[in-house]
Amino acid sequence: RVLFRSLTVRETVLRDGGKGLLVWSWMRIGGHDTTSNAIGKLYQAGSKAMLRGDDGAALMLSAPFDEHPEAARAALRAFVGDNLKAIDAALAHAAAAH
């Protein structure tokens, strides 16, 4: 896991020969971010109990790399830094549409 400010993401490295793909993922459930399926279910149950529905989103970002994932990690960090507010706004808009 990688901590980005107050956002914790699950990091997965996929490899095929000499090529790699670094994937960061997390879930947004009831306005809460988590990487834990168990905690996500608790957020979902709490939201449903409060009659707010049980909507959620799985978010995944990826970047390719050749040998070492550091450059891909830096690219994802920069992307999240530049776009986290837009991601938050898009998720809020999608939640409001339901």
C-alpha atoms as a PDB file:
ATOM      1  CA  ARG A   1       0.000   0.000   0.000  1.00  0.00           C
ATOM      2  CA  VAL A   2       1.114   3.527  -0.722  1.00  0.00           C
ATOM      3  CA  LEU A   3       0.013   6.509   1.361  1.00  0.00           C
ATOM      4  CA  PHE A   4      -0.781   9.604  -0.689  1.00  0.00           C
ATOM      5  CA  ARG A   5      -1.710  12.434   1.649  1.00  0.00           C
ATOM      6  CA  SER A   6      -4.905  11.114   3.202  1.00  0.00           C
ATOM      7  CA  LEU A   7      -5.526   8.629   0.391  1.00  0.00           C
ATOM      8  CA  THR A   8      -4.280   5.069   0.841  1.00  0.00           C
ATOM      9  CA  VAL A   9      -4.175   2.942  -2.301  1.00  0.00           C
ATOM     10  CA  ARG A  10      -3.552  -0.734  -2.969  1.00  0.00           C
ATOM     11  CA  GLU A  11      -0.538  -1.180  -5.218  1.00  0.00           C
ATOM     12  CA  THR A  12      -0.323  -4.132  -7.608  1.00  0.00           C
ATOM     13  CA  VAL A  13       2.515  -4.893 -10.003  1.00  0.00           C
ATOM     14  CA  LEU A  14       1.681  -6.891 -13.127  1.00  0.00           C
ATOM     15  CA  ARG A  15       4.507  -8.243 -15.294  1.00  0.00           C
ATOM     16  CA  ASP A  16       4.697  -9.820 -18.722  1.00  0.00           C
ATOM     17  CA  GLY A  17       8.267 -10.533 -19.715  1.00  0.00           C
ATOM     18  CA  GLY A  18      10.273  -7.335 -19.407  1.00  0.00           C
ATOM     19  CA  LYS A  19       7.226  -5.068 -19.371  1.00  0.00           C
ATOM     20  CA  GLY A  20       5.282  -4.124 -16.279  1.00  0.00           C
ATOM     21  CA  LEU A  21       2.141  -2.318 -15.252  1.00  0.00           C
ATOM     22  CA  LEU A  22       1.783  -0.599 -11.893  1.00  0.00           C
ATOM     23  CA  VAL A  23      -1.833  -0.404 -10.704  1.00  0.00           C
ATOM     24  CA  TRP A  24      -3.158   1.695  -7.850  1.00  0.00           C
ATOM     25  CA  SER A  25      -6.679   0.904  -6.674  1.00  0.00           C
ATOM     26  CA  TRP A  26      -9.124   1.854  -3.953  1.00  0.00           C
ATOM     27  CA  MET A  27     -12.863   1.974  -3.339  1.00  0.00           C
ATOM     28  CA  ARG A  28     -15.159   4.879  -2.524  1.00  0.00           C
ATOM     29  CA  ILE A  29     -18.199   3.746  -0.552  1.00  0.00           C
ATOM     30  CA  GLY A  30     -20.598   6.115   1.157  1.00  0.00           C
ATOM     31  CA  GLY A  31     -18.111   8.959   0.707  1.00  0.00           C
ATOM     32  CA  HIS A  32     -15.301   6.987   2.376  1.00  0.00           C
ATOM     33  CA  ASP A  33     -12.125   5.764   0.682  1.00  0.00           C
ATOM     34  CA  THR A  34     -10.787   2.325   1.593  1.00  0.00           C
ATOM     35  CA  THR A  35      -8.593  -0.463   0.266  1.00  0.00           C
ATOM     36  CA  SER A  36     -10.205  -3.038   2.558  1.00  0.00           C
ATOM     37  CA  ASN A  37     -13.068  -5.172   1.282  1.00  0.00           C
ATOM     38  CA  ALA A  38     -14.221  -5.785   4.879  1.00  0.00           C
ATOM     39  CA  ILE A  39     -14.223  -2.080   5.774  1.00  0.00           C
ATOM     40  CA  GLY A  40     -15.954  -1.354   2.463  1.00  0.00           C
ATOM     41  CA  LYS A  41     -18.740  -3.766   3.410  1.00  0.00           C
ATOM     42  CA  LEU A  42     -19.105  -2.002   6.770  1.00  0.00           C
ATOM     43  CA  TYR A  43     -19.354   1.388   5.039  1.00  0.00           C
ATOM     44  CA  GLN A  44     -21.892  -0.095   2.625  1.00  0.00           C
ATOM     45  CA  ALA A  45     -24.002  -1.581   5.442  1.00  0.00           C
ATOM     46  CA  GLY A  46     -23.876   1.663   7.436  1.00  0.00           C
ATOM     47  CA  SER A  47     -24.898   3.724   4.438  1.00  0.00           C
ATOM     48  CA  LYS A  48     -27.738   1.355   3.648  1.00  0.00           C
ATOM     49  CA  ALA A  49     -28.900   1.395   7.294  1.00  0.00           C
ATOM     50  CA  MET A  50     -29.022   5.205   7.156  1.00  0.00           C
ATOM     51  CA  LEU A  51     -31.227   4.890   4.025  1.00  0.00           C
ATOM     52  CA  ARG A  52     -28.564   6.455   1.791  1.00  0.00           C
ATOM     53  CA  GLY A  53     -28.309   3.456  -0.527  1.00  0.00           C
ATOM     54  CA  ASP A  54     -25.321   1.224  -1.018  1.00  0.00           C
ATOM     55  CA  ASP A  55     -23.582   2.783  -4.029  1.00  0.00           C
ATOM     56  CA  GLY A  56     -19.845   2.505  -4.328  1.00  0.00           C
ATOM     57  CA  ALA A  57     -17.064   2.878  -6.853  1.00  0.00           C
ATOM     58  CA  ALA A  58     -13.886   0.939  -7.544  1.00  0.00           C
ATOM     59  CA  LEU A  59     -11.104   3.203  -8.785  1.00  0.00           C
ATOM     60  CA  MET A  60      -8.041   1.961 -10.634  1.00  0.00           C
ATOM     61  CA  LEU A  61      -5.148   3.900 -12.119  1.00  0.00           C
ATOM     62  CA  SER A  62      -2.260   2.333 -13.983  1.00  0.00           C
ATOM     63  CA  ALA A  63       1.074   3.261 -15.513  1.00  0.00           C
ATOM     64  CA  PRO A  64       3.430   1.103 -17.591  1.00  0.00           C
ATOM     65  CA  PHE A  65       7.103   0.562 -16.776  1.00  0.00           C
ATOM     66  CA  ASP A  66      10.036  -1.355 -18.256  1.00  0.00           C
ATOM     67  CA  GLU A  67      12.310  -2.597 -15.459  1.00  0.00           C
ATOM     68  CA  HIS A  68      11.693  -0.624 -12.284  1.00  0.00           C
ATOM     69  CA  PRO A  69       8.314   0.785 -11.170  1.00  0.00           C
ATOM     70  CA  GLU A  70       9.675   4.011  -9.603  1.00  0.00           C
ATOM     71  CA  ALA A  71       8.932   6.139 -12.693  1.00  0.00           C
ATOM     72  CA  ALA A  72       5.420   4.697 -12.931  1.00  0.00           C
ATOM     73  CA  ARG A  73       4.904   5.380  -9.220  1.00  0.00           C
ATOM     74  CA  ALA A  74       6.010   9.000  -9.722  1.00  0.00           C
ATOM     75  CA  ALA A  75       3.652   9.362 -12.706  1.00  0.00           C
ATOM     76  CA  LEU A  76       0.706   8.037 -10.681  1.00  0.00           C
ATOM     77  CA  ARG A  77       1.591  10.261  -7.735  1.00  0.00           C
ATOM     78  CA  ALA A  78       1.650  13.301 -10.046  1.00  0.00           C
ATOM     79  CA  PHE A  79      -1.629  12.288 -11.705  1.00  0.00           C
ATOM     80  CA  VAL A  80      -3.394  11.865  -8.364  1.00  0.00           C
ATOM     81  CA  GLY A  81      -1.949  15.153  -7.119  1.00  0.00           C
ATOM     82  CA  ASP A  82      -3.224  16.971 -10.190  1.00  0.00           C
ATOM     83  CA  ASN A  83      -6.582  15.210 -10.503  1.00  0.00           C
ATOM     84  CA  LEU A  84      -7.821  14.080  -7.084  1.00  0.00           C
ATOM     85  CA  LYS A  85     -10.207  17.034  -6.806  1.00  0.00           C
ATOM     86  CA  ALA A  86     -11.623  16.248 -10.259  1.00  0.00           C
ATOM     87  CA  ILE A  87     -11.996  12.576  -9.319  1.00  0.00           C
ATOM     88  CA  ASP A  88     -13.805  13.594  -6.120  1.00  0.00           C
ATOM     89  CA  ALA A  89     -16.106  15.918  -8.095  1.00  0.00           C
ATOM     90  CA  ALA A  90     -16.908  13.239 -10.685  1.00  0.00           C
ATOM     91  CA  LEU A  91     -17.756  10.709  -7.966  1.00  0.00           C
ATOM     92  CA  ALA A  92     -19.917  13.242  -6.101  1.00  0.00           C
ATOM     93  CA  HIS A  93     -21.739  14.092  -9.343  1.00  0.00           C
ATOM     94  CA  ALA A  94     -22.341  10.396 -10.066  1.00  0.00           C
ATOM     95  CA  ALA A  95     -23.640   9.815  -6.521  1.00  0.00           C
ATOM     96  CA  ALA A  96     -25.981  12.806  -6.764  1.00  0.00           C
ATOM     97  CA  ALA A  97     -27.399  11.495 -10.052  1.00  0.00           C
ATOM     98  CA  HIS A  98     -28.761   8.400  -8.308  1.00  0.00           C
END
